[in-house]
N, C-alpha and C. Protein backbone atom coordinates (compact mmCIF):
# COMPACT_ATOMS: atom_id res chain seq x y z
N MET A 1 0.84 -1.18 0.00
CA MET A 1 0.00 0.00 0.00
C MET A 1 0.89 1.24 0.00
N SER A 2 0.63 2.10 -0.93
CA SER A 2 1.40 3.32 -1.08
C SER A 2 0.59 4.51 -0.54
N VAL A 3 1.14 5.21 0.46
CA VAL A 3 0.46 6.36 1.05
C VAL A 3 1.40 7.55 0.99
N ILE A 4 0.95 8.63 0.34
CA ILE A 4 1.75 9.84 0.23
C ILE A 4 0.93 11.01 0.78
N PHE A 5 1.44 11.64 1.83
CA PHE A 5 0.77 12.76 2.47
C PHE A 5 0.89 14.00 1.58
N ILE A 6 -0.22 14.71 1.38
CA ILE A 6 -0.23 15.93 0.57
C ILE A 6 -0.39 17.16 1.45
N LYS A 7 -1.42 17.18 2.29
CA LYS A 7 -1.65 18.34 3.16
C LYS A 7 -2.66 17.96 4.24
N SER A 8 -2.88 18.90 5.15
CA SER A 8 -3.94 18.77 6.15
C SER A 8 -4.97 19.85 5.87
N THR A 9 -6.23 19.52 6.08
CA THR A 9 -7.29 20.52 5.90
C THR A 9 -7.29 21.44 7.11
N GLN A 10 -8.08 22.51 7.03
CA GLN A 10 -8.15 23.46 8.14
C GLN A 10 -8.66 22.80 9.42
N ASP A 11 -9.49 21.77 9.29
CA ASP A 11 -10.01 21.10 10.48
C ASP A 11 -9.15 19.89 10.89
N GLY A 12 -7.97 19.75 10.29
CA GLY A 12 -7.02 18.74 10.72
C GLY A 12 -7.08 17.39 10.04
N ARG A 13 -7.96 17.22 9.05
CA ARG A 13 -8.02 15.93 8.35
C ARG A 13 -6.89 15.84 7.34
N ARG A 14 -6.39 14.63 7.15
CA ARG A 14 -5.27 14.39 6.24
C ARG A 14 -5.75 14.18 4.81
N VAL A 15 -5.07 14.83 3.88
CA VAL A 15 -5.30 14.60 2.45
C VAL A 15 -4.08 13.83 1.97
N GLU A 16 -4.33 12.62 1.44
CA GLU A 16 -3.26 11.74 1.01
C GLU A 16 -3.60 11.10 -0.32
N VAL A 17 -2.58 10.64 -1.01
CA VAL A 17 -2.78 9.79 -2.19
C VAL A 17 -2.48 8.38 -1.73
N ILE A 18 -3.52 7.54 -1.78
CA ILE A 18 -3.40 6.15 -1.33
C ILE A 18 -3.71 5.23 -2.51
N ASP A 19 -2.71 4.51 -2.95
CA ASP A 19 -2.86 3.55 -4.06
C ASP A 19 -3.57 4.16 -5.27
N GLY A 20 -3.18 5.37 -5.66
CA GLY A 20 -3.74 5.98 -6.85
C GLY A 20 -5.05 6.72 -6.64
N TRP A 21 -5.48 6.89 -5.41
CA TRP A 21 -6.71 7.63 -5.09
C TRP A 21 -6.38 8.81 -4.19
N ILE A 22 -6.99 9.94 -4.45
CA ILE A 22 -6.88 11.10 -3.56
C ILE A 22 -7.89 10.88 -2.45
N CYS A 23 -7.39 10.82 -1.22
CA CYS A 23 -8.24 10.45 -0.08
C CYS A 23 -8.27 11.56 0.97
N LEU A 24 -9.41 11.69 1.61
CA LEU A 24 -9.60 12.61 2.72
C LEU A 24 -9.87 11.75 3.95
N SER A 25 -8.97 11.81 4.91
CA SER A 25 -9.05 10.98 6.12
C SER A 25 -9.18 9.50 5.78
N GLY A 26 -8.46 9.06 4.75
CA GLY A 26 -8.45 7.65 4.38
C GLY A 26 -9.62 7.20 3.52
N VAL A 27 -10.55 8.10 3.20
CA VAL A 27 -11.72 7.76 2.39
C VAL A 27 -11.51 8.31 0.98
N ARG A 28 -11.74 7.47 -0.02
CA ARG A 28 -11.53 7.89 -1.41
C ARG A 28 -12.39 9.09 -1.77
N GLU A 29 -11.74 10.06 -2.39
CA GLU A 29 -12.43 11.28 -2.80
C GLU A 29 -12.45 11.39 -4.33
N ALA A 30 -11.32 11.13 -4.98
CA ALA A 30 -11.23 11.24 -6.44
C ALA A 30 -10.00 10.47 -6.92
N ASP A 31 -9.98 10.19 -8.23
CA ASP A 31 -8.82 9.52 -8.79
C ASP A 31 -8.05 10.40 -9.77
N SER A 32 -8.45 11.67 -9.88
CA SER A 32 -7.74 12.59 -10.76
C SER A 32 -7.98 14.03 -10.31
N LEU A 33 -7.14 14.90 -10.81
CA LEU A 33 -7.27 16.33 -10.55
C LEU A 33 -7.97 17.00 -11.72
N ILE A 34 -8.72 18.05 -11.43
CA ILE A 34 -9.36 18.85 -12.47
C ILE A 34 -8.85 20.27 -12.32
N ALA A 35 -8.37 20.86 -13.41
CA ALA A 35 -7.94 22.25 -13.37
C ALA A 35 -9.16 23.12 -13.05
N LEU A 36 -8.95 24.13 -12.24
CA LEU A 36 -10.06 24.98 -11.82
C LEU A 36 -10.73 25.63 -13.03
N ASP A 37 -9.96 25.95 -14.06
CA ASP A 37 -10.52 26.56 -15.27
C ASP A 37 -11.54 25.67 -15.97
N GLU A 38 -11.44 24.36 -15.77
CA GLU A 38 -12.33 23.40 -16.43
C GLU A 38 -13.50 22.97 -15.55
N HIS A 39 -13.52 23.41 -14.30
CA HIS A 39 -14.57 22.98 -13.36
C HIS A 39 -15.83 23.82 -13.56
N PRO A 40 -17.00 23.20 -13.58
CA PRO A 40 -18.24 23.95 -13.80
C PRO A 40 -18.57 24.94 -12.68
N ASN A 41 -18.04 24.74 -11.49
CA ASN A 41 -18.33 25.62 -10.36
C ASN A 41 -17.11 26.46 -9.98
N ARG A 42 -16.30 26.81 -10.97
CA ARG A 42 -15.01 27.46 -10.71
C ARG A 42 -15.12 28.80 -10.00
N GLN A 43 -16.16 29.58 -10.29
CA GLN A 43 -16.27 30.90 -9.66
C GLN A 43 -16.50 30.78 -8.15
N ALA A 44 -17.36 29.89 -7.74
CA ALA A 44 -17.63 29.71 -6.31
C ALA A 44 -16.40 29.15 -5.60
N ILE A 45 -15.69 28.23 -6.25
CA ILE A 45 -14.49 27.65 -5.63
C ILE A 45 -13.42 28.72 -5.49
N ALA A 46 -13.20 29.51 -6.54
CA ALA A 46 -12.18 30.56 -6.49
C ALA A 46 -12.52 31.60 -5.41
N LYS A 47 -13.78 31.88 -5.23
CA LYS A 47 -14.19 32.84 -4.21
C LYS A 47 -13.98 32.27 -2.80
N ALA A 48 -14.32 30.99 -2.61
CA ALA A 48 -14.21 30.36 -1.30
C ALA A 48 -12.76 30.03 -0.93
N VAL A 49 -11.95 29.68 -1.94
CA VAL A 49 -10.56 29.26 -1.69
C VAL A 49 -9.64 30.02 -2.63
N PRO A 50 -9.28 31.25 -2.27
CA PRO A 50 -8.35 32.00 -3.13
C PRO A 50 -7.02 31.25 -3.25
N GLY A 51 -6.49 31.23 -4.44
CA GLY A 51 -5.22 30.53 -4.66
C GLY A 51 -5.39 29.11 -5.16
N ALA A 52 -6.61 28.59 -5.17
CA ALA A 52 -6.83 27.22 -5.66
C ALA A 52 -6.67 27.21 -7.18
N THR A 53 -5.97 26.21 -7.68
CA THR A 53 -5.79 26.06 -9.12
C THR A 53 -6.37 24.75 -9.64
N HIS A 54 -6.57 23.79 -8.74
CA HIS A 54 -7.09 22.47 -9.10
C HIS A 54 -8.05 21.99 -8.02
N VAL A 55 -8.92 21.05 -8.39
CA VAL A 55 -9.81 20.41 -7.42
C VAL A 55 -9.84 18.92 -7.68
N ALA A 56 -10.16 18.18 -6.63
CA ALA A 56 -10.36 16.74 -6.72
C ALA A 56 -11.51 16.41 -5.78
N GLY A 57 -12.66 16.14 -6.34
CA GLY A 57 -13.83 15.93 -5.50
C GLY A 57 -14.15 17.22 -4.78
N ARG A 58 -14.18 17.18 -3.45
CA ARG A 58 -14.46 18.37 -2.64
C ARG A 58 -13.20 19.12 -2.24
N LEU A 59 -12.04 18.67 -2.67
CA LEU A 59 -10.77 19.19 -2.19
C LEU A 59 -10.14 20.19 -3.15
N PRO A 60 -9.89 21.43 -2.70
CA PRO A 60 -9.17 22.39 -3.53
C PRO A 60 -7.66 22.25 -3.29
N PHE A 61 -6.87 22.53 -4.32
CA PHE A 61 -5.42 22.45 -4.22
C PHE A 61 -4.78 23.69 -4.83
N THR A 62 -3.69 24.15 -4.21
CA THR A 62 -2.87 25.20 -4.81
C THR A 62 -2.03 24.54 -5.90
N LEU A 63 -1.30 25.34 -6.65
CA LEU A 63 -0.47 24.79 -7.73
C LEU A 63 0.58 23.82 -7.18
N ALA A 64 1.23 24.17 -6.08
CA ALA A 64 2.26 23.30 -5.51
C ALA A 64 1.65 21.99 -5.00
N GLU A 65 0.50 22.08 -4.33
CA GLU A 65 -0.18 20.87 -3.84
C GLU A 65 -0.65 20.00 -5.00
N ALA A 66 -1.15 20.64 -6.06
CA ALA A 66 -1.61 19.90 -7.24
C ALA A 66 -0.44 19.17 -7.91
N ALA A 67 0.71 19.83 -7.97
CA ALA A 67 1.89 19.20 -8.57
C ALA A 67 2.31 17.98 -7.76
N ALA A 68 2.32 18.11 -6.44
CA ALA A 68 2.70 16.98 -5.58
C ALA A 68 1.67 15.85 -5.71
N THR A 69 0.40 16.20 -5.79
CA THR A 69 -0.65 15.20 -5.93
C THR A 69 -0.54 14.48 -7.26
N GLN A 70 -0.33 15.24 -8.34
CA GLN A 70 -0.21 14.62 -9.66
C GLN A 70 1.01 13.71 -9.73
N ASP A 71 2.10 14.12 -9.09
CA ASP A 71 3.29 13.28 -9.05
C ASP A 71 3.00 11.96 -8.32
N ALA A 72 2.28 12.05 -7.20
CA ALA A 72 1.93 10.84 -6.44
C ALA A 72 1.00 9.94 -7.24
N LEU A 73 0.03 10.54 -7.94
CA LEU A 73 -0.88 9.75 -8.78
C LEU A 73 -0.11 9.06 -9.90
N SER A 74 0.81 9.78 -10.53
CA SER A 74 1.61 9.19 -11.61
C SER A 74 2.47 8.06 -11.09
N GLN A 75 3.06 8.25 -9.93
CA GLN A 75 3.89 7.20 -9.33
C GLN A 75 3.06 5.96 -9.03
N ALA A 76 1.86 6.14 -8.53
CA ALA A 76 0.99 4.99 -8.22
C ALA A 76 0.59 4.25 -9.49
N ARG A 77 0.39 4.98 -10.58
CA ARG A 77 0.01 4.33 -11.84
C ARG A 77 1.16 3.57 -12.47
N ARG A 78 2.40 4.02 -12.22
CA ARG A 78 3.56 3.31 -12.75
C ARG A 78 3.74 1.96 -12.06
N ASN A 79 3.37 1.87 -10.80
CA ASN A 79 3.49 0.63 -10.03
C ASN A 79 2.15 -0.09 -10.05
N PHE A 80 1.89 -0.84 -11.10
CA PHE A 80 0.59 -1.50 -11.20
C PHE A 80 0.73 -3.01 -11.03
N ASP A 81 -0.36 -3.59 -10.65
CA ASP A 81 -0.45 -5.03 -10.42
C ASP A 81 -0.63 -5.73 -11.77
N ALA A 82 0.23 -6.68 -12.07
CA ALA A 82 0.17 -7.37 -13.35
C ALA A 82 -0.52 -8.73 -13.25
N SER A 83 -1.25 -8.96 -12.18
CA SER A 83 -1.95 -10.24 -12.03
C SER A 83 -3.12 -10.30 -13.02
N PRO A 84 -3.59 -11.50 -13.37
CA PRO A 84 -4.72 -11.62 -14.30
C PRO A 84 -5.97 -10.87 -13.82
N ASN A 85 -6.24 -10.90 -12.52
CA ASN A 85 -7.42 -10.19 -12.00
C ASN A 85 -7.28 -8.68 -12.18
N ALA A 86 -6.09 -8.15 -11.92
CA ALA A 86 -5.87 -6.72 -12.06
C ALA A 86 -5.96 -6.29 -13.52
N ILE A 87 -5.43 -7.10 -14.42
CA ILE A 87 -5.52 -6.80 -15.85
C ILE A 87 -6.97 -6.81 -16.30
N ALA A 88 -7.73 -7.80 -15.86
CA ALA A 88 -9.16 -7.87 -16.21
C ALA A 88 -9.91 -6.64 -15.68
N GLN A 89 -9.58 -6.20 -14.48
CA GLN A 89 -10.24 -5.02 -13.92
C GLN A 89 -9.90 -3.77 -14.73
N ARG A 90 -8.63 -3.61 -15.13
CA ARG A 90 -8.25 -2.45 -15.95
C ARG A 90 -8.96 -2.48 -17.29
N LEU A 91 -9.12 -3.67 -17.88
CA LEU A 91 -9.85 -3.79 -19.14
C LEU A 91 -11.32 -3.42 -18.97
N ARG A 92 -11.95 -3.88 -17.88
CA ARG A 92 -13.35 -3.52 -17.60
C ARG A 92 -13.51 -2.01 -17.47
N LEU A 93 -12.58 -1.38 -16.74
CA LEU A 93 -12.65 0.07 -16.56
C LEU A 93 -12.46 0.81 -17.89
N ALA A 94 -11.55 0.33 -18.71
CA ALA A 94 -11.32 0.96 -20.01
C ALA A 94 -12.54 0.81 -20.92
N MET A 95 -13.15 -0.38 -20.91
CA MET A 95 -14.33 -0.59 -21.74
C MET A 95 -15.50 0.26 -21.25
N TRP A 96 -15.65 0.39 -19.95
CA TRP A 96 -16.72 1.23 -19.39
C TRP A 96 -16.49 2.70 -19.73
N ALA A 97 -15.23 3.17 -19.66
CA ALA A 97 -14.92 4.55 -20.01
C ALA A 97 -15.23 4.81 -21.48
N LYS A 98 -14.89 3.87 -22.34
CA LYS A 98 -15.18 4.02 -23.77
C LYS A 98 -16.68 4.04 -24.01
N ALA A 99 -17.41 3.14 -23.38
CA ALA A 99 -18.89 3.10 -23.54
C ALA A 99 -19.51 4.39 -23.02
N SER A 100 -19.02 4.90 -21.90
CA SER A 100 -19.55 6.14 -21.35
C SER A 100 -19.27 7.31 -22.29
N ALA A 101 -18.09 7.33 -22.87
CA ALA A 101 -17.75 8.40 -23.81
C ALA A 101 -18.62 8.34 -25.07
N ASP A 102 -19.05 7.13 -25.42
CA ASP A 102 -19.91 6.96 -26.60
C ASP A 102 -21.38 7.23 -26.29
N GLY A 103 -21.70 7.49 -25.03
CA GLY A 103 -23.06 7.85 -24.67
C GLY A 103 -23.89 6.78 -24.00
N VAL A 104 -23.28 5.65 -23.64
CA VAL A 104 -24.01 4.60 -22.93
C VAL A 104 -24.18 5.04 -21.48
N GLU A 105 -25.35 4.85 -20.94
CA GLU A 105 -25.59 5.28 -19.55
C GLU A 105 -25.67 4.12 -18.60
């Protein structure tokens, strides 16, 4: 299990990257970062958290935090499980992503 600490929230909860997931207090929040410019609620986020450049689920990140998070996510993706079950799971996820992109609900 790979755990990389990113930051603490104002209320003291830990934000970490755990096995390729951005987690808040050990609970999965997101598996990728979204640039604030691409987020549909960017104005409210920018107003509430000045300096935020990226978000992941409910979590805002500054540029430095986003860089550290992206590095941890990339590192987790480089270390993947090559077992038959893991390969089958990655194929299922890829097929679902393709079907979703094609409009299947």
